[in-house]
Amino acid sequence: MQVQVKLFSRFREHLPPEARGEATINLPVGATIDDLIDHLGIVRRVKLITINGERQADYSRPLHDGDSVRVFPVVVGG
């Protein structure tokens, strides 16, 4: 299955620079949000994930072919 992913801020480094933070990711059918995060190699704290424009709190939620996923990091300021 394929999902559209957009990564924000420092998470963009998990994709090639030419992707500009956006990519189509291939995952096995039944993959979850947690599986996507692992696949991307994101180990930092995630602040917010949306799927198809809706906030997601349950990272065990299965993804579906064609989903649009947005991943935002925790922002730290000084």
N, C-alpha and C. Protein backbone atom coordinates (compact mmCIF):
# COMPACT_ATOMS: atom_id res chain seq x y z
N MET A 1 0.85 -1.16 0.00
CA MET A 1 0.00 0.00 0.00
C MET A 1 0.89 1.23 0.00
N GLN A 2 0.36 2.34 -0.48
CA GLN A 2 1.11 3.59 -0.53
C GLN A 2 0.40 4.65 0.29
N VAL A 3 1.19 5.42 1.07
CA VAL A 3 0.65 6.56 1.80
C VAL A 3 1.48 7.79 1.43
N GLN A 4 0.82 8.93 1.39
CA GLN A 4 1.49 10.20 1.13
C GLN A 4 1.93 10.78 2.47
N VAL A 5 3.19 11.12 2.60
CA VAL A 5 3.72 11.60 3.87
C VAL A 5 4.31 12.99 3.69
N LYS A 6 4.00 13.86 4.64
CA LYS A 6 4.62 15.18 4.70
C LYS A 6 5.20 15.33 6.10
N LEU A 7 6.51 15.59 6.15
CA LEU A 7 7.21 15.76 7.41
C LEU A 7 7.55 17.24 7.60
N PHE A 8 7.45 17.71 8.82
CA PHE A 8 7.70 19.12 9.12
C PHE A 8 8.94 19.29 9.98
N SER A 9 9.53 20.49 9.87
CA SER A 9 10.66 20.92 10.67
C SER A 9 11.80 19.90 10.57
N ARG A 10 12.40 19.55 11.69
CA ARG A 10 13.58 18.68 11.66
C ARG A 10 13.28 17.26 11.19
N PHE A 11 12.03 16.85 11.16
CA PHE A 11 11.70 15.51 10.65
C PHE A 11 11.96 15.39 9.16
N ARG A 12 12.03 16.51 8.47
CA ARG A 12 12.28 16.48 7.02
C ARG A 12 13.59 15.78 6.68
N GLU A 13 14.53 15.74 7.63
CA GLU A 13 15.83 15.10 7.38
C GLU A 13 15.69 13.59 7.19
N HIS A 14 14.53 13.03 7.47
CA HIS A 14 14.31 11.59 7.31
C HIS A 14 13.94 11.21 5.87
N LEU A 15 13.89 12.21 5.01
CA LEU A 15 13.65 11.99 3.59
C LEU A 15 14.80 12.63 2.82
N PRO A 16 15.04 12.21 1.58
CA PRO A 16 16.10 12.86 0.80
C PRO A 16 15.83 14.36 0.65
N PRO A 17 16.88 15.19 0.59
CA PRO A 17 16.69 16.64 0.49
C PRO A 17 15.80 17.05 -0.68
N GLU A 18 15.93 16.35 -1.81
CA GLU A 18 15.12 16.72 -2.97
C GLU A 18 13.63 16.44 -2.78
N ALA A 19 13.28 15.65 -1.78
CA ALA A 19 11.86 15.36 -1.50
C ALA A 19 11.16 16.56 -0.88
N ARG A 20 11.94 17.47 -0.28
CA ARG A 20 11.40 18.67 0.35
C ARG A 20 10.33 18.35 1.39
N GLY A 21 10.57 17.23 2.12
CA GLY A 21 9.69 16.86 3.21
C GLY A 21 8.45 16.09 2.81
N GLU A 22 8.30 15.76 1.54
CA GLU A 22 7.11 15.03 1.08
C GLU A 22 7.52 13.82 0.25
N ALA A 23 6.82 12.70 0.47
CA ALA A 23 7.13 11.49 -0.29
C ALA A 23 5.95 10.52 -0.25
N THR A 24 5.94 9.63 -1.22
CA THR A 24 5.03 8.50 -1.22
C THR A 24 5.81 7.33 -0.64
N ILE A 25 5.26 6.73 0.42
CA ILE A 25 5.93 5.64 1.12
C ILE A 25 5.17 4.35 0.90
N ASN A 26 5.89 3.29 0.56
CA ASN A 26 5.29 1.96 0.41
C ASN A 26 5.39 1.21 1.73
N LEU A 27 4.27 0.70 2.19
CA LEU A 27 4.20 -0.06 3.44
C LEU A 27 3.38 -1.32 3.19
N PRO A 28 3.58 -2.34 4.02
CA PRO A 28 2.74 -3.53 3.88
C PRO A 28 1.31 -3.23 4.31
N VAL A 29 0.37 -3.93 3.72
CA VAL A 29 -1.03 -3.79 4.10
C VAL A 29 -1.17 -4.09 5.58
N GLY A 30 -1.93 -3.26 6.29
CA GLY A 30 -2.12 -3.44 7.73
C GLY A 30 -1.13 -2.67 8.57
N ALA A 31 -0.18 -1.95 7.93
CA ALA A 31 0.80 -1.16 8.68
C ALA A 31 0.08 -0.07 9.48
N THR A 32 0.65 0.27 10.62
CA THR A 32 0.08 1.27 11.52
C THR A 32 0.89 2.56 11.46
N ILE A 33 0.41 3.57 12.17
CA ILE A 33 1.17 4.82 12.30
C ILE A 33 2.52 4.52 12.93
N ASP A 34 2.56 3.71 13.98
CA ASP A 34 3.83 3.32 14.61
C ASP A 34 4.78 2.69 13.59
N ASP A 35 4.25 1.83 12.73
CA ASP A 35 5.07 1.19 11.70
C ASP A 35 5.66 2.23 10.75
N LEU A 36 4.87 3.22 10.39
CA LEU A 36 5.36 4.29 9.51
C LEU A 36 6.47 5.07 10.18
N ILE A 37 6.27 5.44 11.44
CA ILE A 37 7.29 6.19 12.18
C ILE A 37 8.59 5.38 12.26
N ASP A 38 8.48 4.08 12.54
CA ASP A 38 9.67 3.21 12.57
C ASP A 38 10.33 3.14 11.19
N HIS A 39 9.52 2.99 10.16
CA HIS A 39 10.03 2.90 8.78
C HIS A 39 10.83 4.15 8.42
N LEU A 40 10.36 5.31 8.86
CA LEU A 40 11.03 6.56 8.55
C LEU A 40 12.25 6.80 9.44
N GLY A 41 12.38 6.03 10.52
CA GLY A 41 13.52 6.18 11.42
C GLY A 41 13.39 7.36 12.37
N ILE A 42 12.17 7.80 12.63
CA ILE A 42 11.95 8.92 13.53
C ILE A 42 11.99 8.42 14.97
N VAL A 43 12.97 8.92 15.73
CA VAL A 43 13.11 8.50 17.13
C VAL A 43 12.84 9.65 18.09
N ARG A 44 12.72 10.85 17.56
CA ARG A 44 12.42 12.02 18.40
C ARG A 44 10.94 12.06 18.71
N ARG A 45 10.60 12.87 19.70
CA ARG A 45 9.20 12.97 20.11
C ARG A 45 8.34 13.62 19.03
N VAL A 46 7.22 12.99 18.77
CA VAL A 46 6.25 13.50 17.81
C VAL A 46 5.19 14.29 18.56
N LYS A 47 4.87 15.47 18.10
CA LYS A 47 3.86 16.32 18.73
C LYS A 47 2.47 15.99 18.20
N LEU A 48 2.37 15.84 16.88
CA LEU A 48 1.06 15.71 16.25
C LEU A 48 1.18 14.91 14.97
N ILE A 49 0.22 14.03 14.77
CA ILE A 49 0.08 13.33 13.50
C ILE A 49 -1.34 13.51 13.04
N THR A 50 -1.48 13.86 11.77
CA THR A 50 -2.82 13.91 11.19
C THR A 50 -2.88 12.92 10.03
N ILE A 51 -4.05 12.34 9.85
CA ILE A 51 -4.30 11.47 8.72
C ILE A 51 -5.54 12.01 8.03
N ASN A 52 -5.36 12.35 6.76
CA ASN A 52 -6.45 12.93 5.97
C ASN A 52 -7.07 14.12 6.68
N GLY A 53 -6.22 14.92 7.33
CA GLY A 53 -6.65 16.15 7.98
C GLY A 53 -7.22 16.00 9.37
N GLU A 54 -7.25 14.78 9.91
CA GLU A 54 -7.80 14.55 11.25
C GLU A 54 -6.69 14.15 12.21
N ARG A 55 -6.67 14.80 13.38
CA ARG A 55 -5.67 14.51 14.41
C ARG A 55 -5.79 13.06 14.88
N GLN A 56 -4.63 12.42 15.05
CA GLN A 56 -4.60 11.02 15.49
C GLN A 56 -3.83 10.90 16.80
N ALA A 57 -4.42 10.29 17.78
CA ALA A 57 -3.76 10.06 19.06
C ALA A 57 -3.35 8.60 19.24
N ASP A 58 -4.01 7.71 18.50
CA ASP A 58 -3.76 6.29 18.61
C ASP A 58 -2.81 5.85 17.50
N TYR A 59 -1.53 5.68 17.83
CA TYR A 59 -0.54 5.35 16.82
C TYR A 59 -0.60 3.89 16.39
N SER A 60 -1.47 3.11 17.01
CA SER A 60 -1.67 1.73 16.56
C SER A 60 -2.75 1.66 15.49
N ARG A 61 -3.28 2.81 15.10
CA ARG A 61 -4.32 2.86 14.06
C ARG A 61 -3.74 2.39 12.73
N PRO A 62 -4.43 1.47 12.06
CA PRO A 62 -3.95 1.01 10.75
C PRO A 62 -4.08 2.13 9.71
N LEU A 63 -3.11 2.15 8.82
CA LEU A 63 -3.16 3.06 7.69
C LEU A 63 -3.84 2.37 6.52
N HIS A 64 -4.31 3.16 5.57
CA HIS A 64 -4.99 2.62 4.39
C HIS A 64 -4.34 3.20 3.14
N ASP A 65 -4.40 2.44 2.07
CA ASP A 65 -3.84 2.88 0.81
C ASP A 65 -4.39 4.26 0.45
N GLY A 66 -3.48 5.18 0.13
CA GLY A 66 -3.88 6.53 -0.27
C GLY A 66 -4.01 7.53 0.86
N ASP A 67 -3.83 7.09 2.11
CA ASP A 67 -3.90 8.03 3.24
C ASP A 67 -2.86 9.13 3.07
N SER A 68 -3.21 10.32 3.56
CA SER A 68 -2.30 11.46 3.59
C SER A 68 -1.92 11.70 5.05
N VAL A 69 -0.64 11.52 5.36
CA VAL A 69 -0.16 11.59 6.73
C VAL A 69 0.77 12.80 6.89
N ARG A 70 0.54 13.57 7.94
CA ARG A 70 1.38 14.72 8.27
C ARG A 70 1.98 14.48 9.66
N VAL A 71 3.30 14.70 9.81
CA VAL A 71 3.98 14.42 11.06
C VAL A 71 4.70 15.70 11.53
N PHE A 72 4.35 16.15 12.73
CA PHE A 72 4.91 17.37 13.30
C PHE A 72 5.72 17.04 14.56
N PRO A 73 6.92 17.60 14.71
CA PRO A 73 7.72 17.35 15.91
C PRO A 73 7.32 18.27 17.06
N VAL A 74 7.76 17.90 18.24
CA VAL A 74 7.66 18.79 19.39
C VAL A 74 8.60 19.96 19.11
N VAL A 75 8.12 21.17 19.32
CA VAL A 75 8.94 22.36 19.07
C VAL A 75 9.57 22.82 20.38
N VAL A 76 10.87 23.06 20.31
CA VAL A 76 11.60 23.52 21.49
C VAL A 76 12.15 24.90 21.18
N GLY A 77 11.93 25.81 22.09
CA GLY A 77 12.40 27.18 21.88
C GLY A 77 13.29 27.64 23.01
N GLY A 78 13.82 28.82 22.84
CA GLY A 78 14.70 29.31 23.88
C GLY A 78 14.44 30.76 24.19
